[in-house]
Amino acid sequence: MSWLLLVLAGLLEVLWASMLPLTDGFRRPVPSLVFVAALVASMVLLGLATREIPLGTAYAVWVGIGAVGAATVGIVAHGEPASFGRLGFLSLLIVSIVGLKATGSH
């Protein structure tokens, strides 16, 4: 269950990171509220996940999901470059996340 909470926390990190540019410096209320709600929910779920998953593992997986997800949103929705090198390094992040899951406590 903790791993599911951690994945949900990571997906919420993708949401709040993706919403940040839409807030226009927190001048737009609806995107700003979505940003804050997703940020708080992500932190709460991360905290709950660390009850059973070691902090270092949980935090690294959370950041990795957020980084890969935000980069993917940037590529798909914002036309950011999808170069071979960039995709290769994102793939390495995914391998690292899977490795941490495979070697973490169960």
PDB file of N, CA and C in Angstrom:
ATOM      1  N   MET A   1       0.812  -1.196   0.000  1.00  0.00           N
ATOM      2  CA  MET A   1       0.000   0.000   0.000  1.00  0.00           C
ATOM      3  C   MET A   1       0.857   1.262   0.000  1.00  0.00           C
ATOM      4  N   SER A   2       1.990   1.215   0.705  1.00  0.00           N
ATOM      5  CA  SER A   2       2.864   2.385   0.765  1.00  0.00           C
ATOM      6  C   SER A   2       3.419   2.744  -0.606  1.00  0.00           C
ATOM      7  N   TRP A   3       3.708   1.728  -1.405  1.00  0.00           N
ATOM      8  CA  TRP A   3       4.228   2.017  -2.743  1.00  0.00           C
ATOM      9  C   TRP A   3       3.164   2.668  -3.614  1.00  0.00           C
ATOM     10  N   LEU A   4       1.918   2.255  -3.456  1.00  0.00           N
ATOM     11  CA  LEU A   4       0.829   2.890  -4.194  1.00  0.00           C
ATOM     12  C   LEU A   4       0.694   4.356  -3.773  1.00  0.00           C
ATOM     13  N   LEU A   5       0.762   4.613  -2.468  1.00  0.00           N
ATOM     14  CA  LEU A   5       0.707   5.993  -1.985  1.00  0.00           C
ATOM     15  C   LEU A   5       1.866   6.818  -2.545  1.00  0.00           C
ATOM     16  N   LEU A   6       3.035   6.198  -2.611  1.00  0.00           N
ATOM     17  CA  LEU A   6       4.203   6.899  -3.129  1.00  0.00           C
ATOM     18  C   LEU A   6       4.045   7.230  -4.610  1.00  0.00           C
ATOM     19  N   VAL A   7       3.534   6.295  -5.390  1.00  0.00           N
ATOM     20  CA  VAL A   7       3.312   6.560  -6.815  1.00  0.00           C
ATOM     21  C   VAL A   7       2.274   7.671  -6.990  1.00  0.00           C
ATOM     22  N   LEU A   8       1.206   7.626  -6.211  1.00  0.00           N
ATOM     23  CA  LEU A   8       0.199   8.695  -6.278  1.00  0.00           C
ATOM     24  C   LEU A   8       0.809  10.043  -5.884  1.00  0.00           C
ATOM     25  N   ALA A   9       1.669  10.040  -4.874  1.00  0.00           N
ATOM     26  CA  ALA A   9       2.347  11.273  -4.476  1.00  0.00           C
ATOM     27  C   ALA A   9       3.211  11.799  -5.617  1.00  0.00           C
ATOM     28  N   GLY A  10       3.899  10.897  -6.308  1.00  0.00           N
ATOM     29  CA  GLY A  10       4.719  11.302  -7.452  1.00  0.00           C
ATOM     30  C   GLY A  10       3.884  11.863  -8.587  1.00  0.00           C
ATOM     31  N   LEU A  11       2.747  11.248  -8.852  1.00  0.00           N
ATOM     32  CA  LEU A  11       1.867  11.754  -9.909  1.00  0.00           C
ATOM     33  C   LEU A  11       1.296  13.122  -9.547  1.00  0.00           C
ATOM     34  N   LEU A  12       1.010  13.318  -8.277  1.00  0.00           N
ATOM     35  CA  LEU A  12       0.552  14.643  -7.838  1.00  0.00           C
ATOM     36  C   LEU A  12       1.673  15.671  -7.941  1.00  0.00           C
ATOM     37  N   GLU A  13       2.918  15.216  -7.769  1.00  0.00           N
ATOM     38  CA  GLU A  13       4.043  16.126  -7.977  1.00  0.00           C
ATOM     39  C   GLU A  13       4.100  16.573  -9.436  1.00  0.00           C
ATOM     40  N   VAL A  14       3.850  15.651 -10.345  1.00  0.00           N
ATOM     41  CA  VAL A  14       3.794  16.007 -11.766  1.00  0.00           C
ATOM     42  C   VAL A  14       2.707  17.054 -11.996  1.00  0.00           C
ATOM     43  N   LEU A  15       1.563  16.861 -11.364  1.00  0.00           N
ATOM     44  CA  LEU A  15       0.456  17.810 -11.524  1.00  0.00           C
ATOM     45  C   LEU A  15       0.844  19.190 -11.024  1.00  0.00           C
ATOM     46  N   TRP A  16       1.367  19.273  -9.787  1.00  0.00           N
ATOM     47  CA  TRP A  16       1.671  20.620  -9.271  1.00  0.00           C
ATOM     48  C   TRP A  16       2.809  21.269 -10.038  1.00  0.00           C
ATOM     49  N   ALA A  17       3.786  20.489 -10.457  1.00  0.00           N
ATOM     50  CA  ALA A  17       4.874  21.070 -11.243  1.00  0.00           C
ATOM     51  C   ALA A  17       4.360  21.564 -12.594  1.00  0.00           C
ATOM     52  N   SER A  18       3.440  20.831 -13.177  1.00  0.00           N
ATOM     53  CA  SER A  18       2.867  21.227 -14.468  1.00  0.00           C
ATOM     54  C   SER A  18       1.959  22.439 -14.349  1.00  0.00           C
ATOM     55  N   MET A  19       1.350  22.612 -13.193  1.00  0.00           N
ATOM     56  CA  MET A  19       0.456  23.747 -12.975  1.00  0.00           C
ATOM     57  C   MET A  19       1.220  25.039 -12.699  1.00  0.00           C
ATOM     58  N   LEU A  20       2.434  24.919 -12.218  1.00  0.00           N
ATOM     59  CA  LEU A  20       3.179  26.102 -11.793  1.00  0.00           C
ATOM     60  C   LEU A  20       3.259  27.191 -12.861  1.00  0.00           C
ATOM     61  N   PRO A  21       3.612  26.877 -14.112  1.00  0.00           N
ATOM     62  CA  PRO A  21       3.646  27.951 -15.114  1.00  0.00           C
ATOM     63  C   PRO A  21       2.274  28.567 -15.383  1.00  0.00           C
ATOM     64  N   LEU A  22       1.226  27.771 -15.205  1.00  0.00           N
ATOM     65  CA  LEU A  22      -0.127  28.262 -15.471  1.00  0.00           C
ATOM     66  C   LEU A  22      -0.622  29.237 -14.411  1.00  0.00           C
ATOM     67  N   THR A  23       0.044  29.273 -13.265  1.00  0.00           N
ATOM     68  CA  THR A  23      -0.365  30.204 -12.205  1.00  0.00           C
ATOM     69  C   THR A  23      -0.014  31.646 -12.548  1.00  0.00           C
ATOM     70  N   ASP A  24       0.884  31.839 -13.504  1.00  0.00           N
ATOM     71  CA  ASP A  24       1.344  33.178 -13.893  1.00  0.00           C
ATOM     72  C   ASP A  24       1.820  33.959 -12.674  1.00  0.00           C
ATOM     73  N   GLY A  25       2.754  33.321 -11.945  1.00  0.00           N
ATOM     74  CA  GLY A  25       3.272  33.981 -10.751  1.00  0.00           C
ATOM     75  C   GLY A  25       2.244  34.087  -9.642  1.00  0.00           C
ATOM     76  N   PHE A  26       1.329  33.133  -9.599  1.00  0.00           N
ATOM     77  CA  PHE A  26       0.247  33.071  -8.615  1.00  0.00           C
ATOM     78  C   PHE A  26      -0.728  34.239  -8.749  1.00  0.00           C
ATOM     79  N   ARG A  27      -0.836  34.751  -9.967  1.00  0.00           N
ATOM     80  CA  ARG A  27      -1.828  35.801 -10.235  1.00  0.00           C
ATOM     81  C   ARG A  27      -3.141  35.227 -10.751  1.00  0.00           C
ATOM     82  N   ARG A  28      -3.142  33.946 -11.137  1.00  0.00           N
ATOM     83  CA  ARG A  28      -4.363  33.300 -11.613  1.00  0.00           C
ATOM     84  C   ARG A  28      -4.869  32.363 -10.518  1.00  0.00           C
ATOM     85  N   PRO A  29      -6.055  32.644  -9.973  1.00  0.00           N
ATOM     86  CA  PRO A  29      -6.501  31.911  -8.785  1.00  0.00           C
ATOM     87  C   PRO A  29      -6.765  30.419  -8.989  1.00  0.00           C
ATOM     88  N   VAL A  30      -7.410  30.019 -10.069  1.00  0.00           N
ATOM     89  CA  VAL A  30      -7.764  28.605 -10.221  1.00  0.00           C
ATOM     90  C   VAL A  30      -6.512  27.737 -10.381  1.00  0.00           C
ATOM     91  N   PRO A  31      -5.605  28.048 -11.304  1.00  0.00           N
ATOM     92  CA  PRO A  31      -4.386  27.230 -11.378  1.00  0.00           C
ATOM     93  C   PRO A  31      -3.575  27.280 -10.077  1.00  0.00           C
ATOM     94  N   SER A  32      -3.604  28.410  -9.397  1.00  0.00           N
ATOM     95  CA  SER A  32      -2.875  28.534  -8.129  1.00  0.00           C
ATOM     96  C   SER A  32      -3.460  27.614  -7.063  1.00  0.00           C
ATOM     97  N   LEU A  33      -4.795  27.529  -7.008  1.00  0.00           N
ATOM     98  CA  LEU A  33      -5.443  26.640  -6.045  1.00  0.00           C
ATOM     99  C   LEU A  33      -5.175  25.172  -6.372  1.00  0.00           C
ATOM    100  N   VAL A  34      -5.205  24.827  -7.659  1.00  0.00           N
ATOM    101  CA  VAL A  34      -4.890  23.450  -8.062  1.00  0.00           C
ATOM    102  C   VAL A  34      -3.447  23.126  -7.682  1.00  0.00           C
ATOM    103  N   PHE A  35      -2.543  24.068  -7.936  1.00  0.00           N
ATOM    104  CA  PHE A  35      -1.139  23.891  -7.578  1.00  0.00           C
ATOM    105  C   PHE A  35      -0.991  23.604  -6.083  1.00  0.00           C
ATOM    106  N   VAL A  36      -1.592  24.442  -5.245  1.00  0.00           N
ATOM    107  CA  VAL A  36      -1.458  24.299  -3.784  1.00  0.00           C
ATOM    108  C   VAL A  36      -2.091  22.986  -3.313  1.00  0.00           C
ATOM    109  N   ALA A  37      -3.271  22.659  -3.816  1.00  0.00           N
ATOM    110  CA  ALA A  37      -3.949  21.422  -3.407  1.00  0.00           C
ATOM    111  C   ALA A  37      -3.126  20.194  -3.790  1.00  0.00           C
ATOM    112  N   ALA A  38      -2.595  20.185  -5.014  1.00  0.00           N
ATOM    113  CA  ALA A  38      -1.786  19.044  -5.460  1.00  0.00           C
ATOM    114  C   ALA A  38      -0.489  18.951  -4.664  1.00  0.00           C
ATOM    115  N   LEU A  39       0.106  20.096  -4.357  1.00  0.00           N
ATOM    116  CA  LEU A  39       1.347  20.122  -3.576  1.00  0.00           C
ATOM    117  C   LEU A  39       1.113  19.556  -2.172  1.00  0.00           C
ATOM    118  N   VAL A  40       0.063  20.013  -1.510  1.00  0.00           N
ATOM    119  CA  VAL A  40      -0.233  19.536  -0.160  1.00  0.00           C
ATOM    120  C   VAL A  40      -0.552  18.044  -0.178  1.00  0.00           C
ATOM    121  N   ALA A  41      -1.392  17.617  -1.106  1.00  0.00           N
ATOM    122  CA  ALA A  41      -1.761  16.203  -1.195  1.00  0.00           C
ATOM    123  C   ALA A  41      -0.532  15.337  -1.480  1.00  0.00           C
ATOM    124  N   SER A  42       0.345  15.816  -2.348  1.00  0.00           N
ATOM    125  CA  SER A  42       1.565  15.077  -2.667  1.00  0.00           C
ATOM    126  C   SER A  42       2.433  14.907  -1.427  1.00  0.00           C
ATOM    127  N   MET A  43       2.588  15.963  -0.658  1.00  0.00           N
ATOM    128  CA  MET A  43       3.409  15.901   0.559  1.00  0.00           C
ATOM    129  C   MET A  43       2.790  14.976   1.603  1.00  0.00           C
ATOM    130  N   VAL A  44       1.476  15.041   1.749  1.00  0.00           N
ATOM    131  CA  VAL A  44       0.798  14.171   2.717  1.00  0.00           C
ATOM    132  C   VAL A  44       1.005  12.709   2.336  1.00  0.00           C
ATOM    133  N   LEU A  45       0.808  12.382   1.063  1.00  0.00           N
ATOM    134  CA  LEU A  45       0.986  10.998   0.625  1.00  0.00           C
ATOM    135  C   LEU A  45       2.439  10.551   0.757  1.00  0.00           C
ATOM    136  N   LEU A  46       3.369  11.440   0.453  1.00  0.00           N
ATOM    137  CA  LEU A  46       4.785  11.113   0.636  1.00  0.00           C
ATOM    138  C   LEU A  46       5.061  10.810   2.107  1.00  0.00           C
ATOM    139  N   GLY A  47       4.526  11.635   2.992  1.00  0.00           N
ATOM    140  CA  GLY A  47       4.699  11.392   4.420  1.00  0.00           C
ATOM    141  C   GLY A  47       4.121  10.063   4.868  1.00  0.00           C
ATOM    142  N   LEU A  48       2.949   9.727   4.360  1.00  0.00           N
ATOM    143  CA  LEU A  48       2.338   8.444   4.701  1.00  0.00           C
ATOM    144  C   LEU A  48       3.167   7.280   4.172  1.00  0.00           C
ATOM    145  N   ALA A  49       3.697   7.424   2.974  1.00  0.00           N
ATOM    146  CA  ALA A  49       4.514   6.350   2.380  1.00  0.00           C
ATOM    147  C   ALA A  49       5.772   6.092   3.190  1.00  0.00           C
ATOM    148  N   THR A  50       6.325   7.149   3.802  1.00  0.00           N
ATOM    149  CA  THR A  50       7.564   6.969   4.564  1.00  0.00           C
ATOM    150  C   THR A  50       7.350   6.241   5.885  1.00  0.00           C
ATOM    151  N   ARG A  51       6.123   5.898   6.207  1.00  0.00           N
ATOM    152  CA  ARG A  51       5.892   5.064   7.387  1.00  0.00           C
ATOM    153  C   ARG A  51       6.488   3.676   7.192  1.00  0.00           C
ATOM    154  N   GLU A  52       6.502   3.208   5.943  1.00  0.00           N
ATOM    155  CA  GLU A  52       7.003   1.852   5.665  1.00  0.00           C
ATOM    156  C   GLU A  52       8.179   1.828   4.702  1.00  0.00           C
ATOM    157  N   ILE A  53       8.345   2.866   3.909  1.00  0.00           N
ATOM    158  CA  ILE A  53       9.438   2.926   2.939  1.00  0.00           C
ATOM    159  C   ILE A  53      10.501   3.858   3.502  1.00  0.00           C
ATOM    160  N   PRO A  54      11.770   3.442   3.464  1.00  0.00           N
ATOM    161  CA  PRO A  54      12.825   4.320   3.977  1.00  0.00           C
ATOM    162  C   PRO A  54      12.789   5.692   3.292  1.00  0.00           C
ATOM    163  N   LEU A  55      13.053   6.734   4.070  1.00  0.00           N
ATOM    164  CA  LEU A  55      12.962   8.105   3.570  1.00  0.00           C
ATOM    165  C   LEU A  55      13.786   8.317   2.310  1.00  0.00           C
ATOM    166  N   GLY A  56      15.037   7.884   2.306  1.00  0.00           N
ATOM    167  CA  GLY A  56      15.897   8.097   1.139  1.00  0.00           C
ATOM    168  C   GLY A  56      15.333   7.465  -0.121  1.00  0.00           C
ATOM    169  N   THR A  57      14.815   6.261   0.021  1.00  0.00           N
ATOM    170  CA  THR A  57      14.206   5.577  -1.121  1.00  0.00           C
ATOM    171  C   THR A  57      12.937   6.282  -1.554  1.00  0.00           C
ATOM    172  N   ALA A  58      12.066   6.590  -0.597  1.00  0.00           N
ATOM    173  CA  ALA A  58      10.789   7.231  -0.926  1.00  0.00           C
ATOM    174  C   ALA A  58      11.013   8.580  -1.603  1.00  0.00           C
ATOM    175  N   TYR A  59      11.910   9.366  -1.054  1.00  0.00           N
ATOM    176  CA  TYR A  59      12.148  10.696  -1.615  1.00  0.00           C
ATOM    177  C   TYR A  59      12.737  10.600  -3.025  1.00  0.00           C
ATOM    178  N   ALA A  60      13.689   9.697  -3.213  1.00  0.00           N
ATOM    179  CA  ALA A  60      14.293   9.541  -4.540  1.00  0.00           C
ATOM    180  C   ALA A  60      13.266   9.086  -5.570  1.00  0.00           C
ATOM    181  N   VAL A  61      12.415   8.155  -5.202  1.00  0.00           N
ATOM    182  CA  VAL A  61      11.379   7.680  -6.128  1.00  0.00           C
ATOM    183  C   VAL A  61      10.393   8.802  -6.416  1.00  0.00           C
ATOM    184  N   TRP A  62       9.982   9.542  -5.388  1.00  0.00           N
ATOM    185  CA  TRP A  62       9.043  10.654  -5.548  1.00  0.00           C
ATOM    186  C   TRP A  62       9.602  11.712  -6.495  1.00  0.00           C
ATOM    187  N   VAL A  63      10.836  12.098  -6.266  1.00  0.00           N
ATOM    188  CA  VAL A  63      11.480  13.089  -7.131  1.00  0.00           C
ATOM    189  C   VAL A  63      11.630  12.543  -8.554  1.00  0.00           C
ATOM    190  N   GLY A  64      12.000  11.281  -8.668  1.00  0.00           N
ATOM    191  CA  GLY A  64      12.173  10.683  -9.998  1.00  0.00           C
ATOM    192  C   GLY A  64      10.876  10.657 -10.792  1.00  0.00           C
ATOM    193  N   ILE A  65       9.791  10.246 -10.147  1.00  0.00           N
ATOM    194  CA  ILE A  65       8.495  10.246 -10.825  1.00  0.00           C
ATOM    195  C   ILE A  65       8.138  11.667 -11.247  1.00  0.00           C
ATOM    196  N   GLY A  66       8.349  12.608 -10.353  1.00  0.00           N
ATOM    197  CA  GLY A  66       8.050  14.003 -10.674  1.00  0.00           C
ATOM    198  C   GLY A  66       8.892  14.536 -11.809  1.00  0.00           C
ATOM    199  N   ALA A  67      10.179  14.224 -11.797  1.00  0.00           N
ATOM    200  CA  ALA A  67      11.083  14.728 -12.835  1.00  0.00           C
ATOM    201  C   ALA A  67      10.752  14.127 -14.199  1.00  0.00           C
ATOM    202  N   VAL A  68      10.568  12.823 -14.241  1.00  0.00           N
ATOM    203  CA  VAL A  68      10.228  12.173 -15.517  1.00  0.00           C
ATOM    204  C   VAL A  68       8.868  12.649 -15.998  1.00  0.00           C
ATOM    205  N   GLY A  69       7.910  12.733 -15.096  1.00  0.00           N
ATOM    206  CA  GLY A  69       6.568  13.175 -15.471  1.00  0.00           C
ATOM    207  C   GLY A  69       6.543  14.614 -15.950  1.00  0.00           C
ATOM    208  N   ALA A  70       7.223  15.504 -15.230  1.00  0.00           N
ATOM    209  CA  ALA A  70       7.247  16.912 -15.638  1.00  0.00           C
ATOM    210  C   ALA A  70       7.969  17.086 -16.973  1.00  0.00           C
ATOM    211  N   ALA A  71       9.050  16.355 -17.166  1.00  0.00           N
ATOM    212  CA  ALA A  71       9.759  16.434 -18.447  1.00  0.00           C
ATOM    213  C   ALA A  71       8.884  15.911 -19.584  1.00  0.00           C
ATOM    214  N   THR A  72       8.134  14.854 -19.315  1.00  0.00           N
ATOM    215  CA  THR A  72       7.230  14.304 -20.331  1.00  0.00           C
ATOM    216  C   THR A  72       6.122  15.299 -20.664  1.00  0.00           C
ATOM    217  N   VAL A  73       5.554  15.927 -19.650  1.00  0.00           N
ATOM    218  CA  VAL A  73       4.537  16.966 -19.891  1.00  0.00           C
ATOM    219  C   VAL A  73       5.150  18.097 -20.712  1.00  0.00           C
ATOM    220  N   GLY A  74       6.357  18.485 -20.381  1.00  0.00           N
ATOM    221  CA  GLY A  74       7.029  19.545 -21.136  1.00  0.00           C
ATOM    222  C   GLY A  74       7.209  19.185 -22.595  1.00  0.00           C
ATOM    223  N   ILE A  75       7.597  17.949 -22.845  1.00  0.00           N
ATOM    224  CA  ILE A  75       7.807  17.494 -24.228  1.00  0.00           C
ATOM    225  C   ILE A  75       6.479  17.416 -24.971  1.00  0.00           C
ATOM    226  N   VAL A  76       5.486  16.798 -24.352  1.00  0.00           N
ATOM    227  CA  VAL A  76       4.206  16.558 -25.030  1.00  0.00           C
ATOM    228  C   VAL A  76       3.358  17.824 -25.144  1.00  0.00           C
ATOM    229  N   ALA A  77       3.261  18.578 -24.054  1.00  0.00           N
ATOM    230  CA  ALA A  77       2.321  19.703 -24.030  1.00  0.00           C
ATOM    231  C   ALA A  77       2.950  21.053 -24.370  1.00  0.00           C
ATOM    232  N   HIS A  78       4.250  21.167 -24.184  1.00  0.00           N
ATOM    233  CA  HIS A  78       4.871  22.479 -24.350  1.00  0.00           C
ATOM    234  C   HIS A  78       5.945  22.524 -25.439  1.00  0.00           C
ATOM    235  N   GLY A  79       6.081  21.449 -26.181  1.00  0.00           N
ATOM    236  CA  GLY A  79       7.006  21.436 -27.304  1.00  0.00           C
ATOM    237  C   GLY A  79       8.481  21.505 -26.916  1.00  0.00           C
ATOM    238  N   GLU A  80       8.811  21.072 -25.696  1.00  0.00           N
ATOM    239  CA  GLU A  80      10.211  21.051 -25.298  1.00  0.00           C
ATOM    240  C   GLU A  80      10.949  19.984 -26.100  1.00  0.00           C
ATOM    241  N   PRO A  81      12.256  20.123 -26.244  1.00  0.00           N
ATOM    242  CA  PRO A  81      13.002  19.178 -27.083  1.00  0.00           C
ATOM    243  C   PRO A  81      12.953  17.750 -26.545  1.00  0.00           C
ATOM    244  N   ALA A  82      12.880  16.814 -27.477  1.00  0.00           N
ATOM    245  CA  ALA A  82      12.895  15.390 -27.153  1.00  0.00           C
ATOM    246  C   ALA A  82      14.105  14.758 -27.826  1.00  0.00           C
ATOM    247  N   SER A  83      15.267  15.285 -27.523  1.00  0.00           N
ATOM    248  CA  SER A  83      16.495  14.791 -28.149  1.00  0.00           C
ATOM    249  C   SER A  83      16.827  13.394 -27.644  1.00  0.00           C
ATOM    250  N   PHE A  84      17.685  12.731 -28.380  1.00  0.00           N
ATOM    251  CA  PHE A  84      18.116  11.390 -28.006  1.00  0.00           C
ATOM    252  C   PHE A  84      18.749  11.403 -26.618  1.00  0.00           C
ATOM    253  N   GLY A  85      19.602  12.376 -26.362  1.00  0.00           N
ATOM    254  CA  GLY A  85      20.264  12.468 -25.064  1.00  0.00           C
ATOM    255  C   GLY A  85      19.289  12.686 -23.930  1.00  0.00           C
ATOM    256  N   ARG A  86      18.358  13.587 -24.123  1.00  0.00           N
ATOM    257  CA  ARG A  86      17.369  13.888 -23.079  1.00  0.00           C
ATOM    258  C   ARG A  86      16.514  12.663 -22.772  1.00  0.00           C
ATOM    259  N   LEU A  87      16.038  12.002 -23.814  1.00  0.00           N
ATOM    260  CA  LEU A  87      15.230  10.798 -23.608  1.00  0.00           C
ATOM    261  C   LEU A  87      16.056   9.685 -22.973  1.00  0.00           C
ATOM    262  N   GLY A  88      17.324   9.613 -23.329  1.00  0.00           N
ATOM    263  CA  GLY A  88      18.211   8.610 -22.735  1.00  0.00           C
ATOM    264  C   GLY A  88      18.378   8.817 -21.240  1.00  0.00           C
ATOM    265  N   PHE A  89      18.593  10.072 -20.840  1.00  0.00           N
ATOM    266  CA  PHE A  89      18.753  10.344 -19.414  1.00  0.00           C
ATOM    267  C   PHE A  89      17.449  10.184 -18.647  1.00  0.00           C
ATOM    268  N   LEU A  90      16.331  10.503 -19.267  1.00  0.00           N
ATOM    269  CA  LEU A  90      15.037  10.233 -18.629  1.00  0.00           C
ATOM    270  C   LEU A  90      14.844   8.735 -18.446  1.00  0.00           C
ATOM    271  N   SER A  91      15.298   7.952 -19.422  1.00  0.00           N
ATOM    272  CA  SER A  91      15.235   6.487 -19.305  1.00  0.00           C
ATOM    273  C   SER A  91      16.074   6.001 -18.134  1.00  0.00           C
ATOM    274  N   LEU A  92      17.243   6.604 -17.940  1.00  0.00           N
ATOM    275  CA  LEU A  92      18.077   6.233 -16.796  1.00  0.00           C
ATOM    276  C   LEU A  92      17.368   6.530 -15.471  1.00  0.00           C
ATOM    277  N   LEU A  93      16.631   7.642 -15.427  1.00  0.00           N
ATOM    278  CA  LEU A  93      15.851   7.938 -14.217  1.00  0.00           C
ATOM    279  C   LEU A  93      14.811   6.853 -13.962  1.00  0.00           C
ATOM    280  N   ILE A  94      14.151   6.412 -15.013  1.00  0.00           N
ATOM    281  CA  ILE A  94      13.136   5.364 -14.869  1.00  0.00           C
ATOM    282  C   ILE A  94      13.780   4.079 -14.366  1.00  0.00           C
ATOM    283  N   VAL A  95      14.938   3.720 -14.926  1.00  0.00           N
ATOM    284  CA  VAL A  95      15.654   2.525 -14.471  1.00  0.00           C
ATOM    285  C   VAL A  95      16.017   2.671 -12.992  1.00  0.00           C
ATOM    286  N   SER A  96      16.429   3.866 -12.586  1.00  0.00           N
ATOM    287  CA  SER A  96      16.779   4.104 -11.185  1.00  0.00           C
ATOM    288  C   SER A  96      15.571   3.949 -10.273  1.00  0.00           C
ATOM    289  N   ILE A  97      14.429   4.466 -10.702  1.00  0.00           N
ATOM    290  CA  ILE A  97      13.206   4.352  -9.899  1.00  0.00           C
ATOM    291  C   ILE A  97      12.830   2.879  -9.727  1.00  0.00           C
ATOM    292  N   VAL A  98      12.869   2.133 -10.817  1.00  0.00           N
ATOM    293  CA  VAL A  98      12.547   0.698 -10.747  1.00  0.00           C
ATOM    294  C   VAL A  98      13.554  -0.024  -9.856  1.00  0.00           C
ATOM    295  N   GLY A  99      14.825   0.345  -9.972  1.00  0.00           N
ATOM    296  CA  GLY A  99      15.852  -0.265  -9.133  1.00  0.00           C
ATOM    297  C   GLY A  99      15.640   0.004  -7.660  1.00  0.00           C
ATOM    298  N   LEU A 100      15.260   1.233  -7.324  1.00  0.00           N
ATOM    299  CA  LEU A 100      14.980   1.552  -5.922  1.00  0.00           C
ATOM    300  C   LEU A 100      13.784   0.764  -5.404  1.00  0.00           C
ATOM    301  N   LYS A 101      12.778   0.611  -6.235  1.00  0.00           N
ATOM    302  CA  LYS A 101      11.618  -0.186  -5.837  1.00  0.00           C
ATOM    303  C   LYS A 101      12.037  -1.635  -5.628  1.00  0.00           C
ATOM    304  N   ALA A 102      12.849  -2.160  -6.525  1.00  0.00           N
ATOM    305  CA  ALA A 102      13.255  -3.566  -6.452  1.00  0.00           C
ATOM    306  C   ALA A 102      14.140  -3.848  -5.244  1.00  0.00           C
ATOM    307  N   THR A 103      14.912  -2.861  -4.829  1.00  0.00           N
ATOM    308  CA  THR A 103      15.838  -3.090  -3.714  1.00  0.00           C
ATOM    309  C   THR A 103      15.346  -2.515  -2.396  1.00  0.00           C
ATOM    310  N   GLY A 104      14.196  -1.830  -2.414  1.00  0.00           N
ATOM    311  CA  GLY A 104      13.656  -1.228  -1.192  1.00  0.00           C
ATOM    312  C   GLY A 104      12.995  -2.245  -0.307  1.00  0.00           C
ATOM    313  N   SER A 105      12.627  -1.793   0.892  1.00  0.00           N
ATOM    314  CA  SER A 105      11.937  -2.690   1.819  1.00  0.00           C
ATOM    315  C   SER A 105      10.533  -2.979   1.313  1.00  0.00           C
ATOM    316  N   HIS A 106      10.031  -4.143   1.648  1.00  0.00           N
ATOM    317  CA  HIS A 106       8.709  -4.553   1.162  1.00  0.00           C
ATOM    318  C   HIS A 106       7.785  -4.758   2.329  1.00  0.00           C
TER     319      HIS A 106
END
